[in-house]
């Protein structure tokens, strides 16, 4: 398989593409506007039962629909730049992503925060009106069901969302990881430096974990299989110019699997430290590819690859 075929198109873009995206936008935006019209009419007539039902539906459909519009409008520039990089380097997938090209990776915890907040808001706007209606109608079965759903929401999404928000408020994000060379090559040592925008001095130092995982999707949720994992603990850090810097490295096995978006194989670095009131946590996806000997020799000689 050519190197460029390993990343390939994302499944959503490859299978669905623009027609399916337009269909989703029309469906959710149209549904959101229709629910909003009915909501206004229910408010005018004083039908509070319909109001309680229509509020979460209006919010959710408009959030998804117009959110997709925003992604399409503001994401066109990034898609265009990514396609230009693919055309310029068809056999070098480690140069297809802007962060991989520059060797400066941004922590992915921020994206996880947005995902958790989305589910918290979604469950909240659905559960609160339903709970009000159920209490008023005194339906025991629905009350138990809503109680269980609220418990699941509190256990699954609220704690990580709150922890991520505290990290953002304390300046832990956005943290950056600088790679000494791109891509990371099996059989070679990975050297990198973490930069946090605030000074941190954990008593037990930092711990860093490098792992290779393959993710699988399922009907009742996803799962992942770990192929390789190594952790370094007690890593010392330094403070320079009000920022925390941490240098560390890993030896990548020569027979290791490489990054493959089609098979959903990824390499991830997770950096952790014990702090109060919330622990430090940063995650980064790094490019691991096998490359031709000529390219590897150029990287070892610090020659430009773009």
Protein backbone atom coordinates (compact mmCIF):
# COMPACT_ATOMS: atom_id res chain seq x y z
CA UNK A 1 0.00 0.00 0.00
CA UNK A 2 1.43 3.42 -0.88
CA UNK A 3 2.21 5.68 2.03
CA UNK A 4 -0.38 8.17 0.91
CA UNK A 5 -3.15 5.57 0.99
CA UNK A 6 -2.83 5.01 4.70
CA UNK A 7 -4.61 8.14 5.77
CA UNK A 8 -7.14 8.26 2.97
CA UNK A 9 -10.36 10.20 3.19
CA UNK A 10 -12.29 10.31 6.40
CA UNK A 11 -15.16 7.77 6.39
CA UNK A 12 -17.80 10.51 6.53
CA UNK A 13 -16.32 12.35 3.54
CA UNK A 14 -15.57 9.17 1.59
CA UNK A 15 -19.01 7.52 1.91
CA UNK A 16 -21.40 10.44 2.29
CA UNK A 17 -19.77 13.61 1.02
CA UNK A 18 -21.59 16.83 0.23
CA UNK A 19 -25.05 15.41 -0.69
CA UNK A 20 -25.47 13.81 2.72
CA UNK A 21 -24.13 16.94 4.45
CA UNK A 22 -26.65 19.14 2.61
CA UNK A 23 -29.44 16.68 3.48
CA UNK A 24 -28.51 16.85 7.17
CA UNK A 25 -28.40 20.65 7.11
CA UNK A 26 -31.80 20.93 5.40
CA UNK A 27 -33.37 18.36 7.73
CA UNK A 28 -32.13 19.82 11.01
CA UNK A 29 -32.45 23.51 10.06
CA UNK A 30 -35.93 22.96 8.61
CA UNK A 31 -37.00 20.91 11.60
CA UNK A 32 -35.56 23.48 14.01
CA UNK A 33 -37.43 26.35 12.34
CA UNK A 34 -40.66 24.32 12.27
CA UNK A 35 -40.33 23.49 15.98
CA UNK A 36 -39.56 27.16 16.73
CA UNK A 37 -42.74 28.26 14.89
CA UNK A 38 -44.84 25.76 16.85
CA UNK A 39 -43.12 26.84 20.07
CA UNK A 40 -44.12 30.47 19.51
CA UNK A 41 -47.69 29.41 18.74
CA UNK A 42 -47.83 27.27 21.91
CA UNK A 43 -46.58 30.22 23.98
CA UNK A 44 -49.26 32.46 22.56
CA UNK A 45 -52.02 29.94 23.34
CA UNK A 46 -50.66 29.10 26.80
CA UNK A 47 -50.23 25.39 26.03
CA UNK A 48 -47.43 24.76 28.53
CA UNK A 49 -47.38 21.02 27.91
CA UNK A 50 -46.38 21.60 24.27
CA UNK A 51 -43.98 24.36 25.31
CA UNK A 52 -42.07 21.99 27.59
CA UNK A 53 -41.79 19.43 24.80
CA UNK A 54 -40.91 21.88 22.02
CA UNK A 55 -38.17 23.80 23.88
CA UNK A 56 -35.56 20.97 23.86
CA UNK A 57 -36.52 19.89 20.33
CA UNK A 58 -36.16 23.44 19.02
CA UNK A 59 -32.84 23.90 20.77
CA UNK A 60 -31.37 20.60 19.63
CA UNK A 61 -32.43 20.76 15.97
CA UNK A 62 -31.27 24.36 15.56
CA UNK A 63 -28.01 23.64 17.38
CA UNK A 64 -27.17 20.72 15.09
CA UNK A 65 -28.45 22.32 11.87
CA UNK A 66 -26.86 25.73 12.18
CA UNK A 67 -23.79 24.17 13.78
CA UNK A 68 -23.31 22.16 10.59
CA UNK A 69 -23.70 25.36 8.59
CA UNK A 70 -20.93 26.94 10.66
CA UNK A 71 -18.67 23.92 10.19
CA UNK A 72 -19.17 24.03 6.42
CA UNK A 73 -18.68 27.79 6.12
CA UNK A 74 -15.69 28.16 8.42
CA UNK A 75 -14.15 24.78 7.59
CA UNK A 76 -13.84 25.31 3.84
CA UNK A 77 -10.51 27.08 4.25
CA UNK A 78 -9.06 24.19 6.26
CA UNK A 79 -10.39 21.60 3.79
CA UNK A 80 -8.87 23.55 0.89
CA UNK A 81 -5.49 23.79 2.64
CA UNK A 82 -5.58 20.06 3.45
CA UNK A 83 -6.34 19.15 -0.16
CA UNK A 84 -3.47 21.35 -1.33
CA UNK A 85 -1.09 19.56 1.01
CA UNK A 86 -2.35 16.17 -0.21
CA UNK A 87 -1.82 17.15 -3.85
CA UNK A 88 1.64 18.51 -3.09
CA UNK A 89 2.72 15.43 -1.10
CA UNK A 90 0.62 12.46 -2.31
CA UNK A 91 3.02 9.87 -0.83
CA UNK A 92 3.80 11.71 2.42
CA UNK A 93 0.67 11.54 4.63
CA UNK A 94 2.56 13.00 7.60
CA UNK A 95 2.54 16.30 5.66
CA UNK A 96 -1.24 16.32 5.12
CA UNK A 97 -2.12 17.79 8.50
CA UNK A 98 -1.04 21.30 9.36
CA UNK A 99 0.01 20.47 12.92
CA UNK A 100 1.98 17.42 11.79
CA UNK A 101 3.71 19.43 9.07
CA UNK A 102 4.99 22.00 11.54
CA UNK A 103 5.75 19.43 14.24
CA UNK A 104 3.79 21.48 16.84
CA UNK A 105 0.75 19.59 18.11
CA UNK A 106 -2.11 21.17 20.06
CA UNK A 107 -3.64 19.27 22.98
CA UNK A 108 -6.84 17.42 22.08
CA UNK A 109 -8.43 17.80 25.55
CA UNK A 110 -10.13 21.00 24.35
CA UNK A 111 -12.05 19.07 21.70
CA UNK A 112 -13.07 16.51 24.32
CA UNK A 113 -14.36 19.36 26.50
CA UNK A 114 -16.62 20.56 23.68
CA UNK A 115 -17.88 17.02 23.13
CA UNK A 116 -18.72 16.53 26.82
CA UNK A 117 -20.40 19.93 27.04
CA UNK A 118 -22.52 19.09 23.99
CA UNK A 119 -23.86 15.93 25.63
CA UNK A 120 -24.41 17.68 28.97
CA UNK A 121 -26.45 20.41 27.28
CA UNK A 122 -28.36 17.90 25.14
CA UNK A 123 -29.29 15.66 28.07
CA UNK A 124 -30.11 18.70 30.18
CA UNK A 125 -32.55 20.28 27.74
CA UNK A 126 -34.24 16.91 27.27
CA UNK A 127 -34.39 15.80 30.90
CA UNK A 128 -35.44 19.00 32.65
CA UNK A 129 -38.72 19.55 30.75
CA UNK A 130 -39.46 15.82 30.84
CA UNK A 131 -38.91 15.75 34.61
CA UNK A 132 -41.29 18.70 35.10
CA UNK A 133 -44.01 17.03 33.03
CA UNK A 134 -43.55 13.70 34.79
CA UNK A 135 -43.81 15.21 38.27
CA UNK A 136 -46.94 17.09 37.32
CA UNK A 137 -48.56 13.97 35.87
CA UNK A 138 -47.30 11.76 38.75
CA UNK A 139 -46.08 8.91 36.55
CA UNK A 140 -43.83 6.59 38.56
CA UNK A 141 -42.31 4.64 35.66
CA UNK A 142 -41.24 7.77 33.80
CA UNK A 143 -39.85 9.27 37.01
CA UNK A 144 -37.62 6.23 37.56
CA UNK A 145 -36.47 6.30 33.94
CA UNK A 146 -35.59 10.01 34.10
CA UNK A 147 -33.78 9.47 37.42
CA UNK A 148 -31.64 6.74 35.83
CA UNK A 149 -30.90 8.90 32.78
CA UNK A 150 -29.91 11.82 35.00
CA UNK A 151 -27.62 9.51 36.98
CA UNK A 152 -25.98 8.30 33.76
CA UNK A 153 -25.48 11.89 32.64
CA UNK A 154 -23.91 12.87 35.95
CA UNK A 155 -21.59 9.85 35.97
CA UNK A 156 -20.53 9.82 32.31
CA UNK A 157 -20.28 13.41 31.09
CA UNK A 158 -20.45 15.98 33.90
CA UNK A 159 -17.20 15.11 35.80
CA UNK A 160 -14.88 15.18 32.73
CA UNK A 161 -16.56 18.37 31.49
CA UNK A 162 -16.07 20.09 34.85
CA UNK A 163 -12.45 18.89 35.09
CA UNK A 164 -11.65 20.18 31.60
CA UNK A 165 -13.26 23.54 32.37
CA UNK A 166 -11.11 23.87 35.50
CA UNK A 167 -8.00 23.07 33.44
CA UNK A 168 -8.93 25.76 30.94
CA UNK A 169 -9.56 28.30 33.72
CA UNK A 170 -6.16 27.57 35.26
CA UNK A 171 -4.31 28.03 31.98
CA UNK A 172 -3.39 24.38 31.40
CA UNK A 173 -4.71 24.69 27.85
CA UNK A 174 -3.73 25.04 25.13
CA UNK A 175 -0.56 23.04 25.75
CA UNK A 176 1.77 22.35 22.82
CA UNK A 177 3.95 19.36 21.99
CA UNK A 178 6.93 19.96 19.70
CA UNK A 179 8.35 16.95 17.86
CA UNK A 180 12.04 16.86 17.06
CA UNK A 181 11.36 15.17 13.71
CA UNK A 182 8.33 14.45 11.56
CA UNK A 183 7.28 11.76 11.02
CA UNK A 184 8.13 9.49 13.93
CA UNK A 185 9.67 6.31 12.49
CA UNK A 186 9.48 2.77 13.93
CA UNK A 187 12.89 1.70 15.18
CA UNK A 188 13.90 5.29 15.92
CA UNK A 189 13.74 7.34 19.10
CA UNK A 190 10.98 9.90 19.48
CA UNK A 191 12.13 13.13 21.13
CA UNK A 192 9.64 15.84 22.03
CA UNK A 193 9.07 18.84 24.29
CA UNK A 194 5.86 19.83 26.07
CA UNK A 195 5.07 23.50 26.63
CA UNK A 196 2.36 24.62 29.08
CA UNK A 197 1.41 28.33 29.15
CA UNK A 198 1.55 28.54 32.99
CA UNK A 199 4.23 27.53 35.54
CA UNK A 200 3.53 24.13 37.09
CA UNK A 201 5.57 22.37 39.78
CA UNK A 202 4.08 18.95 40.58
CA UNK A 203 5.74 17.31 43.58
CA UNK A 204 6.09 13.92 41.87
CA UNK A 205 6.94 15.28 38.44
CA UNK A 206 5.14 14.44 35.21
CA UNK A 207 4.33 11.06 33.70
CA UNK A 208 4.18 10.47 29.94
CA UNK A 209 2.59 7.51 28.15
CA UNK A 210 3.01 6.59 24.50
CA UNK A 211 0.59 4.02 23.13
CA UNK A 212 -0.59 2.57 19.84
CA UNK A 213 -4.32 1.84 19.66
CA UNK A 214 -6.86 0.69 17.13
CA UNK A 215 -10.39 2.02 17.61
CA UNK A 216 -13.51 0.05 16.70
CA UNK A 217 -17.10 1.23 16.38
CA UNK A 218 -20.05 -0.77 17.63
CA UNK A 219 -23.80 -0.56 17.95
CA UNK A 220 -23.62 0.00 21.71
CA UNK A 221 -20.47 2.15 21.74
CA UNK A 222 -16.88 1.97 20.63
CA UNK A 223 -13.93 0.04 21.95
CA UNK A 224 -10.19 0.10 21.40
CA UNK A 225 -7.36 -2.40 21.39
CA UNK A 226 -3.91 -1.44 22.63
CA UNK A 227 -1.00 -2.89 20.62
CA UNK A 228 1.88 -1.20 22.42
CA UNK A 229 2.25 1.00 25.48
CA UNK A 230 5.07 2.48 27.54
CA UNK A 231 5.05 4.95 30.43
CA UNK A 232 7.80 7.16 31.84
CA UNK A 233 7.22 8.50 35.38
CA UNK A 234 8.86 11.16 37.52
CA UNK A 235 9.86 13.32 34.57
CA UNK A 236 11.38 16.65 35.73
CA UNK A 237 10.18 19.94 34.27
CA UNK A 238 11.56 23.46 34.07
CA UNK A 239 10.00 26.92 34.07
CA UNK A 240 11.17 29.35 31.39
CA UNK A 241 9.56 32.73 30.80
CA UNK A 242 6.53 31.86 32.89
CA UNK A 243 5.92 28.65 30.92
CA UNK A 244 6.45 25.02 31.94
CA UNK A 245 8.62 22.95 29.63
CA UNK A 246 9.14 19.20 29.74
CA UNK A 247 11.50 17.22 27.48
CA UNK A 248 11.24 13.44 27.14
CA UNK A 249 11.45 10.63 24.59
CA UNK A 250 10.49 7.07 23.71
CA UNK A 251 12.00 4.27 21.66
CA UNK A 252 9.43 3.16 19.08
CA UNK A 253 9.69 -0.60 18.33
CA UNK A 254 10.90 -1.47 14.84
CA UNK A 255 7.97 -3.82 14.26
CA UNK A 256 5.32 -1.36 15.48
CA UNK A 257 2.13 -0.69 13.56
CA UNK A 258 1.94 2.68 11.83
CA UNK A 259 -0.71 5.40 11.73
CA UNK A 260 -3.63 4.32 9.57
CA UNK A 261 -6.84 6.38 9.49
CA UNK A 262 -8.70 3.79 7.40
CA UNK A 263 -8.14 1.08 10.02
CA UNK A 264 -8.31 3.74 12.77
CA UNK A 265 -4.87 2.99 14.16
CA UNK A 266 -3.41 5.93 16.04
CA UNK A 267 -0.43 6.77 18.20
CA UNK A 268 -1.16 8.94 21.20
CA UNK A 269 0.95 10.64 23.87
CA UNK A 270 -0.75 11.33 27.21
CA UNK A 271 0.98 13.54 29.79
CA UNK A 272 -0.27 13.59 33.39
CA UNK A 273 0.69 15.23 36.68
CA UNK A 274 -0.85 15.27 40.16
CA UNK A 275 -2.01 18.78 41.00
CA UNK A 276 -4.72 20.45 43.10
CA UNK A 277 -7.65 21.00 42.65
CA UNK A 278 -7.50 19.12 39.34
CA UNK A 279 -4.73 17.02 37.79
CA UNK A 280 -2.88 18.14 34.68
CA UNK A 281 -3.77 16.16 31.55
CA UNK A 282 -2.77 16.63 27.91
CA UNK A 283 -3.23 14.27 24.96
CA UNK A 284 -1.66 14.43 21.50
CA UNK A 285 -1.98 12.31 18.37
CA UNK A 286 1.40 11.88 16.67
CA UNK A 287 2.32 10.67 13.16
CA UNK A 288 4.15 7.32 13.05
CA UNK A 289 5.02 6.14 9.51
CA UNK A 290 7.58 4.03 7.74
CA UNK A 291 9.41 6.13 5.17
CA UNK A 292 11.88 5.49 2.34
CA UNK A 293 15.55 5.28 3.26
CA UNK A 294 16.32 8.42 1.29
CA UNK A 295 13.75 10.44 3.22
CA UNK A 296 14.96 8.94 6.50
CA UNK A 297 18.53 9.92 5.69
CA UNK A 298 17.41 13.46 4.90
CA UNK A 299 15.56 13.66 8.23
CA UNK A 300 18.62 12.42 10.10
CA UNK A 301 20.62 15.13 8.34
CA UNK A 302 18.02 17.76 9.26
CA UNK A 303 17.25 18.49 5.62
CA UNK A 304 13.90 20.17 4.79
CA UNK A 305 11.20 17.85 3.47
CA UNK A 306 8.68 20.39 2.11
